[in-house]
Amino acid sequence: MNAKDLTKEQKDRLGRAAKSVWDYIGGDCLRAMEECGEKPILPRSQVIELVVDADRLPDELGRKKESDLLEFVQFAKYEEIVKALKPSFPFARYGW
């Protein structure tokens, strides 16, 4: 399955789920960086990687009963998931 096969509505729903995951894990990630003496700022690519690799995206989609998107996340190549999520994370950097 490819990102280009998703409709705009599907990409929007996937993006909302991914943003929910970032809202859930983002603060912890940034605080951990601070505790290690790093600036709490991440580039978009790392934010998307964290969202996908946190293994919470399938949980979020399952909770919302988004079976079509759950199938995409479970079976699409990582690169395709990243392509689908990029528009949902429009900023170059995330942090505080």
Protein backbone atom coordinates (compact mmCIF):
# COMPACT_ATOMS: atom_id res chain seq x y z
CA MET A 1 0.00 0.00 0.00
CA ASN A 2 1.31 3.46 -0.93
CA ALA A 3 0.69 6.87 0.60
CA LYS A 4 -0.59 8.09 -2.77
CA ASP A 5 -3.39 5.51 -2.54
CA LEU A 6 -4.84 7.23 0.54
CA THR A 7 -7.60 9.75 0.04
CA LYS A 8 -7.27 13.26 1.47
CA GLU A 9 -9.81 12.32 4.13
CA GLN A 10 -7.77 9.25 5.11
CA LYS A 11 -4.57 11.30 5.27
CA ASP A 12 -6.35 13.85 7.47
CA ARG A 13 -7.56 11.12 9.84
CA LEU A 14 -4.11 9.53 9.91
CA GLY A 15 -2.59 12.93 10.63
CA ARG A 16 -4.98 13.58 13.51
CA ALA A 17 -4.11 10.21 15.03
CA ALA A 18 -0.38 10.88 14.61
CA LYS A 19 -0.71 14.31 16.24
CA SER A 20 -2.52 12.67 19.16
CA VAL A 21 0.42 10.31 19.56
CA TRP A 22 2.87 13.23 19.46
CA ASP A 23 0.78 15.08 22.05
CA TYR A 24 1.01 12.00 24.24
CA ILE A 25 4.75 11.27 23.89
CA GLY A 26 6.25 14.60 22.81
CA GLY A 27 6.53 16.22 26.21
CA ASP A 28 8.25 13.18 27.68
CA CYS A 29 10.71 13.06 24.79
CA LEU A 30 11.57 16.74 25.09
CA ARG A 31 11.92 16.55 28.89
CA ALA A 32 14.26 13.56 28.54
CA MET A 33 16.41 15.61 26.18
CA GLU A 34 16.54 18.44 28.73
CA GLU A 35 17.51 16.01 31.48
CA CYS A 36 20.39 14.82 29.33
CA GLY A 37 21.58 18.39 28.79
CA GLU A 38 20.34 18.62 25.20
CA LYS A 39 18.23 21.38 23.70
CA PRO A 40 14.63 20.15 23.60
CA ILE A 41 14.20 20.66 19.86
CA LEU A 42 13.62 17.95 17.27
CA PRO A 43 13.48 18.14 13.48
CA ARG A 44 10.25 17.07 11.82
CA SER A 45 11.82 13.84 10.54
CA GLN A 46 12.62 12.72 14.09
CA VAL A 47 9.17 13.66 15.36
CA ILE A 48 7.57 11.53 12.65
CA GLU A 49 10.01 8.70 13.37
CA LEU A 50 9.15 8.84 17.08
CA VAL A 51 5.43 8.82 16.34
CA VAL A 52 5.72 5.82 14.04
CA ASP A 53 8.24 3.91 16.16
CA ALA A 54 6.49 4.55 19.49
CA ASP A 55 4.05 1.81 18.48
CA ARG A 56 1.19 3.97 19.73
CA LEU A 57 -0.12 4.88 16.28
CA PRO A 58 -1.71 1.44 15.75
CA ASP A 59 -3.20 1.67 19.25
CA GLU A 60 -4.61 5.13 18.53
CA LEU A 61 -6.08 4.00 15.20
CA GLY A 62 -7.55 0.87 16.79
CA ARG A 63 -9.10 2.90 19.58
CA LYS A 64 -10.72 5.18 16.99
CA LYS A 65 -11.86 2.15 14.96
CA GLU A 66 -9.91 3.32 11.90
CA SER A 67 -9.44 -0.15 10.40
CA ASP A 68 -8.52 1.12 6.93
CA LEU A 69 -5.70 3.23 8.36
CA LEU A 70 -4.65 0.57 10.82
CA GLU A 71 -4.13 -1.77 7.88
CA PHE A 72 -2.06 0.91 6.11
CA VAL A 73 0.17 1.47 9.16
CA GLN A 74 0.63 -2.25 9.73
CA PHE A 75 1.45 -3.24 6.16
CA ALA A 76 2.85 -0.19 4.36
CA LYS A 77 6.57 0.38 4.11
CA TYR A 78 7.99 2.81 6.65
CA GLU A 79 8.81 5.32 3.91
CA GLU A 80 5.18 5.36 2.75
CA ILE A 81 3.94 6.05 6.26
CA VAL A 82 6.40 8.94 6.54
CA LYS A 83 5.18 10.36 3.20
CA ALA A 84 1.59 10.21 4.41
CA LEU A 85 2.43 11.93 7.71
CA LYS A 86 4.70 14.75 6.50
CA PRO A 87 1.83 17.16 5.71
CA SER A 88 0.47 16.68 9.23
CA PHE A 89 3.71 17.96 10.75
CA PRO A 90 4.29 21.20 8.84
CA PHE A 91 7.02 22.74 11.00
CA ALA A 92 10.73 22.17 10.45
CA ARG A 93 11.37 21.82 14.18
CA TYR A 94 9.36 20.90 17.26
CA GLY A 95 10.22 21.72 20.84
CA TRP A 96 10.29 24.44 23.45
